[in-house]
């Protein structure tokens, strides 16, 4: 995609509260590209260490990032339980940017 898309994706992710998660697809929809979840994932290839990329997963609550151990650890410190790469109580802690911004 382009720089504007990436900037919008990063701005949405910065708004996700601690202890909550959202999906690549929800972010794509929030920035006006509803069928571009994969592009959201691609935008997340480069980010700063303190950026909350760990709060983004796929639509079924699975962590698909290659740094799963790091993400699981960060989520655990925020009170999010992950079992076998799947976020527990996903629907309960899901943060929908279209409804919560």
PDB file of N, CA and C in Angstrom:
ATOM      1  N   UNK A   1       0.850  -1.179   0.000  1.00  0.00           N
ATOM      2  CA  UNK A   1       0.000   0.000   0.000  1.00  0.00           C
ATOM      3  C   UNK A   1       0.895   1.240   0.000  1.00  0.00           C
ATOM      4  N   UNK A   2       0.396   2.330   0.524  1.00  0.00           N
ATOM      5  CA  UNK A   2       1.182   3.559   0.487  1.00  0.00           C
ATOM      6  C   UNK A   2       1.468   4.077   1.903  1.00  0.00           C
ATOM      7  N   UNK A   3       2.218   5.152   1.957  1.00  0.00           N
ATOM      8  CA  UNK A   3       2.625   5.705   3.250  1.00  0.00           C
ATOM      9  C   UNK A   3       1.434   6.196   4.079  1.00  0.00           C
ATOM     10  N   UNK A   4       0.429   6.771   3.422  1.00  0.00           N
ATOM     11  CA  UNK A   4      -0.749   7.253   4.140  1.00  0.00           C
ATOM     12  C   UNK A   4      -1.486   6.085   4.800  1.00  0.00           C
ATOM     13  N   UNK A   5      -1.653   4.991   4.067  1.00  0.00           N
ATOM     14  CA  UNK A   5      -2.287   3.794   4.620  1.00  0.00           C
ATOM     15  C   UNK A   5      -1.515   3.330   5.856  1.00  0.00           C
ATOM     16  N   UNK A   6      -0.204   3.193   5.731  1.00  0.00           N
ATOM     17  CA  UNK A   6       0.628   2.744   6.853  1.00  0.00           C
ATOM     18  C   UNK A   6       0.513   3.687   8.041  1.00  0.00           C
ATOM     19  N   UNK A   7       0.521   4.981   7.796  1.00  0.00           N
ATOM     20  CA  UNK A   7       0.407   5.952   8.881  1.00  0.00           C
ATOM     21  C   UNK A   7      -0.933   5.798   9.599  1.00  0.00           C
ATOM     22  N   UNK A   8      -2.008   5.624   8.843  1.00  0.00           N
ATOM     23  CA  UNK A   8      -3.334   5.456   9.444  1.00  0.00           C
ATOM     24  C   UNK A   8      -3.401   4.169  10.261  1.00  0.00           C
ATOM     25  N   UNK A   9      -2.820   3.101   9.739  1.00  0.00           N
ATOM     26  CA  UNK A   9      -2.785   1.820  10.454  1.00  0.00           C
ATOM     27  C   UNK A   9      -2.074   1.999  11.792  1.00  0.00           C
ATOM     28  N   UNK A  10      -0.935   2.651  11.789  1.00  0.00           N
ATOM     29  CA  UNK A  10      -0.162   2.842  13.015  1.00  0.00           C
ATOM     30  C   UNK A  10      -0.910   3.723  14.013  1.00  0.00           C
ATOM     31  N   UNK A  11      -1.609   4.734  13.527  1.00  0.00           N
ATOM     32  CA  UNK A  11      -2.374   5.608  14.419  1.00  0.00           C
ATOM     33  C   UNK A  11      -3.507   4.840  15.099  1.00  0.00           C
ATOM     34  N   UNK A  12      -4.183   3.971  14.366  1.00  0.00           N
ATOM     35  CA  UNK A  12      -5.262   3.156  14.950  1.00  0.00           C
ATOM     36  C   UNK A  12      -4.677   2.221  16.012  1.00  0.00           C
ATOM     37  N   UNK A  13      -3.583   1.558  15.697  1.00  0.00           N
ATOM     38  CA  UNK A  13      -2.996   0.595  16.638  1.00  0.00           C
ATOM     39  C   UNK A  13      -2.558   1.282  17.927  1.00  0.00           C
ATOM     40  N   UNK A  14      -2.058   2.500  17.829  1.00  0.00           N
ATOM     41  CA  UNK A  14      -1.650   3.236  19.033  1.00  0.00           C
ATOM     42  C   UNK A  14      -2.832   3.501  19.968  1.00  0.00           C
ATOM     43  N   UNK A  15      -4.047   3.457  19.442  1.00  0.00           N
ATOM     44  CA  UNK A  15      -5.239   3.745  20.246  1.00  0.00           C
ATOM     45  C   UNK A  15      -5.790   2.518  20.976  1.00  0.00           C
ATOM     46  N   UNK A  16      -5.313   1.323  20.631  1.00  0.00           N
ATOM     47  CA  UNK A  16      -5.831   0.103  21.272  1.00  0.00           C
ATOM     48  C   UNK A  16      -5.446   0.133  22.748  1.00  0.00           C
ATOM     49  N   UNK A  17      -6.434   0.061  23.638  1.00  0.00           N
ATOM     50  CA  UNK A  17      -6.115   0.099  25.073  1.00  0.00           C
ATOM     51  C   UNK A  17      -5.370  -1.152  25.542  1.00  0.00           C
ATOM     52  N   UNK A  18      -4.595  -0.996  26.597  1.00  0.00           N
ATOM     53  CA  UNK A  18      -3.925  -2.156  27.205  1.00  0.00           C
ATOM     54  C   UNK A  18      -4.982  -3.157  27.627  1.00  0.00           C
ATOM     55  N   UNK A  19      -4.671  -4.434  27.431  1.00  0.00           N
ATOM     56  CA  UNK A  19      -5.604  -5.484  27.817  1.00  0.00           C
ATOM     57  C   UNK A  19      -6.683  -5.761  26.802  1.00  0.00           C
ATOM     58  N   UNK A  20      -6.614  -5.098  25.648  1.00  0.00           N
ATOM     59  CA  UNK A  20      -7.590  -5.302  24.581  1.00  0.00           C
ATOM     60  C   UNK A  20      -6.832  -5.678  23.318  1.00  0.00           C
ATOM     61  N   UNK A  21      -7.516  -6.299  22.375  1.00  0.00           N
ATOM     62  CA  UNK A  21      -6.909  -6.684  21.105  1.00  0.00           C
ATOM     63  C   UNK A  21      -7.882  -6.384  19.977  1.00  0.00           C
ATOM     64  N   UNK A  22      -7.345  -6.302  18.782  1.00  0.00           N
ATOM     65  CA  UNK A  22      -8.173  -6.133  17.590  1.00  0.00           C
ATOM     66  C   UNK A  22      -7.572  -6.971  16.477  1.00  0.00           C
ATOM     67  N   UNK A  23      -8.231  -6.976  15.336  1.00  0.00           N
ATOM     68  CA  UNK A  23      -7.770  -7.806  14.228  1.00  0.00           C
ATOM     69  C   UNK A  23      -7.236  -6.945  13.080  1.00  0.00           C
ATOM     70  N   UNK A  24      -6.456  -7.596  12.237  1.00  0.00           N
ATOM     71  CA  UNK A  24      -5.946  -6.924  11.045  1.00  0.00           C
ATOM     72  C   UNK A  24      -7.106  -6.399  10.210  1.00  0.00           C
ATOM     73  N   UNK A  25      -8.154  -7.210  10.075  1.00  0.00           N
ATOM     74  CA  UNK A  25      -9.316  -6.836   9.272  1.00  0.00           C
ATOM     75  C   UNK A  25     -10.072  -5.648   9.843  1.00  0.00           C
ATOM     76  N   UNK A  26     -10.211  -5.590  11.162  1.00  0.00           N
ATOM     77  CA  UNK A  26     -10.905  -4.467  11.788  1.00  0.00           C
ATOM     78  C   UNK A  26     -10.148  -3.166  11.545  1.00  0.00           C
ATOM     79  N   UNK A  27      -8.836  -3.242  11.578  1.00  0.00           N
ATOM     80  CA  UNK A  27      -8.025  -2.057  11.312  1.00  0.00           C
ATOM     81  C   UNK A  27      -8.166  -1.642   9.858  1.00  0.00           C
ATOM     82  N   UNK A  28      -8.092  -2.606   8.955  1.00  0.00           N
ATOM     83  CA  UNK A  28      -8.241  -2.312   7.526  1.00  0.00           C
ATOM     84  C   UNK A  28      -9.583  -1.627   7.249  1.00  0.00           C
ATOM     85  N   UNK A  29     -10.627  -2.141   7.853  1.00  0.00           N
ATOM     86  CA  UNK A  29     -11.959  -1.559   7.686  1.00  0.00           C
ATOM     87  C   UNK A  29     -11.998  -0.133   8.233  1.00  0.00           C
ATOM     88  N   UNK A  30     -11.367   0.084   9.371  1.00  0.00           N
ATOM     89  CA  UNK A  30     -11.370   1.404  10.011  1.00  0.00           C
ATOM     90  C   UNK A  30     -10.651   2.461   9.186  1.00  0.00           C
ATOM     91  N   UNK A  31      -9.679   2.054   8.387  1.00  0.00           N
ATOM     92  CA  UNK A  31      -8.954   3.028   7.559  1.00  0.00           C
ATOM     93  C   UNK A  31      -9.504   3.091   6.141  1.00  0.00           C
ATOM     94  N   UNK A  32     -10.621   2.404   5.901  1.00  0.00           N
ATOM     95  CA  UNK A  32     -11.297   2.526   4.609  1.00  0.00           C
ATOM     96  C   UNK A  32     -10.932   1.497   3.568  1.00  0.00           C
ATOM     97  N   UNK A  33     -10.251   0.429   3.950  1.00  0.00           N
ATOM     98  CA  UNK A  33      -9.873  -0.635   3.026  1.00  0.00           C
ATOM     99  C   UNK A  33     -10.328  -1.980   3.597  1.00  0.00           C
ATOM    100  N   UNK A  34     -11.637  -2.246   3.550  1.00  0.00           N
ATOM    101  CA  UNK A  34     -12.195  -3.401   4.267  1.00  0.00           C
ATOM    102  C   UNK A  34     -11.662  -4.775   3.877  1.00  0.00           C
ATOM    103  N   UNK A  35     -11.116  -4.934   2.727  1.00  0.00           N
ATOM    104  CA  UNK A  35     -10.618  -6.248   2.309  1.00  0.00           C
ATOM    105  C   UNK A  35      -9.100  -6.305   2.222  1.00  0.00           C
ATOM    106  N   UNK A  36      -8.446  -5.506   3.042  1.00  0.00           N
ATOM    107  CA  UNK A  36      -6.988  -5.412   2.962  1.00  0.00           C
ATOM    108  C   UNK A  36      -6.291  -5.756   4.282  1.00  0.00           C
ATOM    109  N   UNK A  37      -6.804  -6.745   4.982  1.00  0.00           N
ATOM    110  CA  UNK A  37      -6.191  -7.165   6.245  1.00  0.00           C
ATOM    111  C   UNK A  37      -4.737  -7.556   6.055  1.00  0.00           C
ATOM    112  N   UNK A  38      -4.445  -8.213   4.960  1.00  0.00           N
ATOM    113  CA  UNK A  38      -3.066  -8.644   4.708  1.00  0.00           C
ATOM    114  C   UNK A  38      -2.128  -7.444   4.596  1.00  0.00           C
ATOM    115  N   UNK A  39      -2.618  -6.342   4.040  1.00  0.00           N
ATOM    116  CA  UNK A  39      -1.790  -5.139   3.930  1.00  0.00           C
ATOM    117  C   UNK A  39      -1.506  -4.539   5.305  1.00  0.00           C
ATOM    118  N   UNK A  40      -2.447  -4.687   6.232  1.00  0.00           N
ATOM    119  CA  UNK A  40      -2.199  -4.230   7.597  1.00  0.00           C
ATOM    120  C   UNK A  40      -1.035  -5.034   8.181  1.00  0.00           C
ATOM    121  N   UNK A  41      -1.063  -6.336   7.983  1.00  0.00           N
ATOM    122  CA  UNK A  41       0.035  -7.188   8.442  1.00  0.00           C
ATOM    123  C   UNK A  41       1.361  -6.791   7.817  1.00  0.00           C
ATOM    124  N   UNK A  42       1.330  -6.474   6.539  1.00  0.00           N
ATOM    125  CA  UNK A  42       2.557  -6.049   5.856  1.00  0.00           C
ATOM    126  C   UNK A  42       3.068  -4.721   6.416  1.00  0.00           C
ATOM    127  N   UNK A  43       2.156  -3.826   6.774  1.00  0.00           N
ATOM    128  CA  UNK A  43       2.564  -2.536   7.345  1.00  0.00           C
ATOM    129  C   UNK A  43       3.282  -2.737   8.674  1.00  0.00           C
ATOM    130  N   UNK A  44       2.983  -3.834   9.346  1.00  0.00           N
ATOM    131  CA  UNK A  44       3.567  -4.096  10.665  1.00  0.00           C
ATOM    132  C   UNK A  44       4.909  -4.830  10.606  1.00  0.00           C
ATOM    133  N   UNK A  45       5.538  -4.833   9.495  1.00  0.00           N
ATOM    134  CA  UNK A  45       6.843  -5.486   9.392  1.00  0.00           C
ATOM    135  C   UNK A  45       7.945  -4.681  10.067  1.00  0.00           C
ATOM    136  N   UNK A  46       7.725  -3.381  10.192  1.00  0.00           N
ATOM    137  CA  UNK A  46       8.736  -2.511  10.813  1.00  0.00           C
ATOM    138  C   UNK A  46       8.064  -1.570  11.798  1.00  0.00           C
ATOM    139  N   UNK A  47       8.420  -1.706  13.061  1.00  0.00           N
ATOM    140  CA  UNK A  47       7.863  -0.833  14.088  1.00  0.00           C
ATOM    141  C   UNK A  47       8.853  -0.743  15.239  1.00  0.00           C
ATOM    142  N   UNK A  48       8.682   0.284  16.057  1.00  0.00           N
ATOM    143  CA  UNK A  48       9.562   0.485  17.214  1.00  0.00           C
ATOM    144  C   UNK A  48       9.254  -0.533  18.302  1.00  0.00           C
ATOM    145  N   UNK A  49      10.205  -0.786  19.153  1.00  0.00           N
ATOM    146  CA  UNK A  49      10.087  -1.784  20.229  1.00  0.00           C
ATOM    147  C   UNK A  49       8.892  -1.532  21.142  1.00  0.00           C
ATOM    148  N   UNK A  50       8.599  -0.273  21.416  1.00  0.00           N
ATOM    149  CA  UNK A  50       7.504   0.035  22.340  1.00  0.00           C
ATOM    150  C   UNK A  50       6.141   0.167  21.648  1.00  0.00           C
ATOM    151  N   UNK A  51       6.088  -0.109  20.360  1.00  0.00           N
ATOM    152  CA  UNK A  51       4.830  -0.028  19.607  1.00  0.00           C
ATOM    153  C   UNK A  51       3.954  -1.245  19.942  1.00  0.00           C
ATOM    154  N   UNK A  52       2.651  -1.057  20.159  1.00  0.00           N
ATOM    155  CA  UNK A  52       1.780  -2.153  20.616  1.00  0.00           C
ATOM    156  C   UNK A  52       1.284  -3.106  19.524  1.00  0.00           C
ATOM    157  N   UNK A  53       2.163  -3.554  18.661  1.00  0.00           N
ATOM    158  CA  UNK A  53       1.791  -4.488  17.595  1.00  0.00           C
ATOM    159  C   UNK A  53       1.246  -5.802  18.156  1.00  0.00           C
ATOM    160  N   UNK A  54       1.604  -6.121  19.391  1.00  0.00           N
ATOM    161  CA  UNK A  54       1.154  -7.370  20.014  1.00  0.00           C
ATOM    162  C   UNK A  54      -0.351  -7.389  20.249  1.00  0.00           C
ATOM    163  N   UNK A  55      -1.004  -6.261  20.128  1.00  0.00           N
ATOM    164  CA  UNK A  55      -2.455  -6.189  20.342  1.00  0.00           C
ATOM    165  C   UNK A  55      -3.251  -6.452  19.072  1.00  0.00           C
ATOM    166  N   UNK A  56      -2.571  -6.869  18.011  1.00  0.00           N
ATOM    167  CA  UNK A  56      -3.238  -7.143  16.738  1.00  0.00           C
ATOM    168  C   UNK A  56      -3.071  -8.619  16.395  1.00  0.00           C
ATOM    169  N   UNK A  57      -4.183  -9.256  16.037  1.00  0.00           N
ATOM    170  CA  UNK A  57      -4.168 -10.680  15.705  1.00  0.00           C
ATOM    171  C   UNK A  57      -5.089 -10.927  14.514  1.00  0.00           C
ATOM    172  N   UNK A  58      -5.260 -12.193  14.144  1.00  0.00           N
ATOM    173  CA  UNK A  58      -6.168 -12.460  13.039  1.00  0.00           C
ATOM    174  C   UNK A  58      -7.613 -12.495  13.538  1.00  0.00           C
ATOM    175  N   UNK A  59      -8.544 -12.654  12.618  1.00  0.00           N
ATOM    176  CA  UNK A  59      -9.972 -12.544  12.939  1.00  0.00           C
ATOM    177  C   UNK A  59     -10.486 -13.620  13.883  1.00  0.00           C
ATOM    178  N   UNK A  60      -9.749 -14.706  14.034  1.00  0.00           N
ATOM    179  CA  UNK A  60     -10.195 -15.757  14.952  1.00  0.00           C
ATOM    180  C   UNK A  60      -9.467 -15.691  16.295  1.00  0.00           C
ATOM    181  N   UNK A  61      -8.647 -14.649  16.494  1.00  0.00           N
ATOM    182  CA  UNK A  61      -7.956 -14.485  17.769  1.00  0.00           C
ATOM    183  C   UNK A  61      -6.615 -15.173  17.857  1.00  0.00           C
ATOM    184  N   UNK A  62      -6.079 -15.586  16.737  1.00  0.00           N
ATOM    185  CA  UNK A  62      -4.763 -16.233  16.722  1.00  0.00           C
ATOM    186  C   UNK A  62      -3.665 -15.218  16.475  1.00  0.00           C
ATOM    187  N   UNK A  63      -2.568 -15.408  17.171  1.00  0.00           N
ATOM    188  CA  UNK A  63      -1.388 -14.587  16.929  1.00  0.00           C
ATOM    189  C   UNK A  63      -0.638 -15.226  15.768  1.00  0.00           C
ATOM    190  N   UNK A  64      -0.516 -14.490  14.702  1.00  0.00           N
ATOM    191  CA  UNK A  64       0.112 -15.039  13.495  1.00  0.00           C
ATOM    192  C   UNK A  64       1.488 -14.429  13.233  1.00  0.00           C
ATOM    193  N   UNK A  65       1.915 -13.510  14.072  1.00  0.00           N
ATOM    194  CA  UNK A  65       3.221 -12.877  13.904  1.00  0.00           C
ATOM    195  C   UNK A  65       4.332 -13.880  14.189  1.00  0.00           C
ATOM    196  N   UNK A  66       5.451 -13.692  13.537  1.00  0.00           N
ATOM    197  CA  UNK A  66       6.580 -14.610  13.721  1.00  0.00           C
ATOM    198  C   UNK A  66       7.202 -14.486  15.109  1.00  0.00           C
ATOM    199  N   UNK A  67       6.947 -13.392  15.791  1.00  0.00           N
ATOM    200  CA  UNK A  67       7.511 -13.178  17.130  1.00  0.00           C
ATOM    201  C   UNK A  67       6.471 -13.518  18.199  1.00  0.00           C
ATOM    202  N   UNK A  68       5.831 -14.647  18.055  1.00  0.00           N
ATOM    203  CA  UNK A  68       4.718 -15.042  18.928  1.00  0.00           C
ATOM    204  C   UNK A  68       5.103 -15.058  20.402  1.00  0.00           C
ATOM    205  N   UNK A  69       6.292 -15.556  20.733  1.00  0.00           N
ATOM    206  CA  UNK A  69       6.700 -15.610  22.144  1.00  0.00           C
ATOM    207  C   UNK A  69       6.738 -14.217  22.768  1.00  0.00           C
ATOM    208  N   UNK A  70       7.300 -13.282  22.040  1.00  0.00           N
ATOM    209  CA  UNK A  70       7.386 -11.904  22.517  1.00  0.00           C
ATOM    210  C   UNK A  70       5.982 -11.324  22.699  1.00  0.00           C
ATOM    211  N   UNK A  71       5.109 -11.554  21.720  1.00  0.00           N
ATOM    212  CA  UNK A  71       3.748 -11.034  21.779  1.00  0.00           C
ATOM    213  C   UNK A  71       2.981 -11.645  22.949  1.00  0.00           C
ATOM    214  N   UNK A  72       3.116 -12.951  23.149  1.00  0.00           N
ATOM    215  CA  UNK A  72       2.422 -13.625  24.251  1.00  0.00           C
ATOM    216  C   UNK A  72       2.875 -13.040  25.586  1.00  0.00           C
ATOM    217  N   UNK A  73       4.162 -12.804  25.739  1.00  0.00           N
ATOM    218  CA  UNK A  73       4.688 -12.220  26.969  1.00  0.00           C
ATOM    219  C   UNK A  73       4.132 -10.830  27.216  1.00  0.00           C
ATOM    220  N   UNK A  74       4.095 -10.008  26.180  1.00  0.00           N
ATOM    221  CA  UNK A  74       3.568  -8.646  26.324  1.00  0.00           C
ATOM    222  C   UNK A  74       2.079  -8.672  26.649  1.00  0.00           C
ATOM    223  N   UNK A  75       1.338  -9.549  25.996  1.00  0.00           N
ATOM    224  CA  UNK A  75      -0.093  -9.652  26.277  1.00  0.00           C
ATOM    225  C   UNK A  75      -0.332 -10.121  27.703  1.00  0.00           C
ATOM    226  N   UNK A  76       0.480 -11.055  28.165  1.00  0.00           N
ATOM    227  CA  UNK A  76       0.331 -11.566  29.529  1.00  0.00           C
ATOM    228  C   UNK A  76       0.507 -10.448  30.544  1.00  0.00           C
ATOM    229  N   UNK A  77       1.471  -9.561  30.324  1.00  0.00           N
ATOM    230  CA  UNK A  77       1.678  -8.451  31.264  1.00  0.00           C
ATOM    231  C   UNK A  77       0.477  -7.494  31.284  1.00  0.00           C
ATOM    232  N   UNK A  78      -0.343  -7.549  30.233  1.00  0.00           N
ATOM    233  CA  UNK A  78      -1.542  -6.705  30.167  1.00  0.00           C
ATOM    234  C   UNK A  78      -2.792  -7.455  30.627  1.00  0.00           C
ATOM    235  N   UNK A  79      -2.605  -8.692  31.098  1.00  0.00           N
ATOM    236  CA  UNK A  79      -3.735  -9.464  31.597  1.00  0.00           C
ATOM    237  C   UNK A  79      -4.485 -10.257  30.542  1.00  0.00           C
ATOM    238  N   UNK A  80      -3.900 -10.379  29.351  1.00  0.00           N
ATOM    239  CA  UNK A  80      -4.534 -11.129  28.264  1.00  0.00           C
ATOM    240  C   UNK A  80      -3.970 -12.540  28.266  1.00  0.00           C
ATOM    241  N   UNK A  81      -4.850 -13.520  28.354  1.00  0.00           N
ATOM    242  CA  UNK A  81      -4.435 -14.919  28.377  1.00  0.00           C
ATOM    243  C   UNK A  81      -4.366 -15.467  26.954  1.00  0.00           C
ATOM    244  N   UNK A  82      -3.255 -16.135  26.663  1.00  0.00           N
ATOM    245  CA  UNK A  82      -3.056 -16.761  25.359  1.00  0.00           C
ATOM    246  C   UNK A  82      -2.733 -18.227  25.587  1.00  0.00           C
ATOM    247  N   UNK A  83      -3.426 -19.090  24.883  1.00  0.00           N
ATOM    248  CA  UNK A  83      -3.187 -20.533  25.000  1.00  0.00           C
ATOM    249  C   UNK A  83      -2.987 -21.104  23.602  1.00  0.00           C
ATOM    250  N   UNK A  84      -1.835 -21.741  23.413  1.00  0.00           N
ATOM    251  CA  UNK A  84      -1.494 -22.328  22.114  1.00  0.00           C
ATOM    252  C   UNK A  84      -1.651 -21.328  20.966  1.00  0.00           C
ATOM    253  N   UNK A  85      -1.221 -20.101  21.213  1.00  0.00           N
ATOM    254  CA  UNK A  85      -1.243 -19.079  20.178  1.00  0.00           C
ATOM    255  C   UNK A  85      -2.594 -18.425  19.950  1.00  0.00           C
ATOM    256  N   UNK A  86      -3.598 -18.806  20.727  1.00  0.00           N
ATOM    257  CA  UNK A  86      -4.939 -18.244  20.567  1.00  0.00           C
ATOM    258  C   UNK A  86      -5.304 -17.419  21.801  1.00  0.00           C
ATOM    259  N   UNK A  87      -5.797 -16.220  21.545  1.00  0.00           N
ATOM    260  CA  UNK A  87      -6.204 -15.325  22.619  1.00  0.00           C
ATOM    261  C   UNK A  87      -7.503 -15.839  23.225  1.00  0.00           C
ATOM    262  N   UNK A  88      -7.492 -16.023  24.520  1.00  0.00           N
ATOM    263  CA  UNK A  88      -8.671 -16.507  25.236  1.00  0.00           C
ATOM    264  C   UNK A  88      -9.639 -15.332  25.458  1.00  0.00           C
ATOM    265  N   UNK A  89     -10.917 -15.630  25.471  1.00  0.00           N
ATOM    266  CA  UNK A  89     -11.959 -14.599  25.627  1.00  0.00           C
ATOM    267  C   UNK A  89     -11.832 -13.508  24.564  1.00  0.00           C
ATOM    268  N   UNK A  90     -11.478 -13.913  23.361  1.00  0.00           N
ATOM    269  CA  UNK A  90     -11.222 -12.966  22.269  1.00  0.00           C
ATOM    270  C   UNK A  90     -12.400 -12.025  22.039  1.00  0.00           C
ATOM    271  N   UNK A  91     -13.600 -12.563  21.974  1.00  0.00           N
ATOM    272  CA  UNK A  91     -14.764 -11.715  21.701  1.00  0.00           C
ATOM    273  C   UNK A  91     -15.018 -10.713  22.823  1.00  0.00           C
ATOM    274  N   UNK A  92     -14.695 -11.087  24.026  1.00  0.00           N
ATOM    275  CA  UNK A  92     -14.914 -10.211  25.180  1.00  0.00           C
ATOM    276  C   UNK A  92     -13.941  -9.034  25.205  1.00  0.00           C
ATOM    277  N   UNK A  93     -12.686  -9.272  24.845  1.00  0.00           N
ATOM    278  CA  UNK A  93     -11.681  -8.209  24.918  1.00  0.00           C
ATOM    279  C   UNK A  93     -11.410  -7.562  23.558  1.00  0.00           C
ATOM    280  N   UNK A  94     -12.176  -7.969  22.542  1.00  0.00           N
ATOM    281  CA  UNK A  94     -11.996  -7.409  21.196  1.00  0.00           C
ATOM    282  C   UNK A  94     -12.314  -5.916  21.193  1.00  0.00           C
ATOM    283  N   UNK A  95     -11.441  -5.139  20.606  1.00  0.00           N
ATOM    284  CA  UNK A  95     -11.601  -3.688  20.484  1.00  0.00           C
ATOM    285  C   UNK A  95     -11.895  -3.370  19.032  1.00  0.00           C
ATOM    286  N   UNK A  96     -13.098  -2.865  18.769  1.00  0.00           N
ATOM    287  CA  UNK A  96     -13.497  -2.532  17.406  1.00  0.00           C
ATOM    288  C   UNK A  96     -13.292  -1.033  17.186  1.00  0.00           C
ATOM    289  N   UNK A  97     -12.318  -0.669  16.376  1.00  0.00           N
ATOM    290  CA  UNK A  97     -12.032   0.755  16.187  1.00  0.00           C
ATOM    291  C   UNK A  97     -13.215   1.544  15.620  1.00  0.00           C
ATOM    292  N   UNK A  98     -14.049   0.908  14.821  1.00  0.00           N
ATOM    293  CA  UNK A  98     -15.193   1.632  14.248  1.00  0.00           C
ATOM    294  C   UNK A  98     -16.231   1.985  15.305  1.00  0.00           C
ATOM    295  N   UNK A  99     -16.265   1.235  16.383  1.00  0.00           N
ATOM    296  CA  UNK A  99     -17.241   1.509  17.437  1.00  0.00           C
ATOM    297  C   UNK A  99     -16.646   2.266  18.621  1.00  0.00           C
ATOM    298  N   UNK A 100     -15.337   2.211  18.787  1.00  0.00           N
ATOM    299  CA  UNK A 100     -14.748   2.745  20.010  1.00  0.00           C
ATOM    300  C   UNK A 100     -13.874   3.975  19.833  1.00  0.00           C
ATOM    301  N   UNK A 101     -13.768   4.441  18.619  1.00  0.00           N
ATOM    302  CA  UNK A 101     -12.989   5.677  18.402  1.00  0.00           C
ATOM    303  C   UNK A 101     -13.968   6.841  18.329  1.00  0.00           C
TER     304      UNK A 101
END
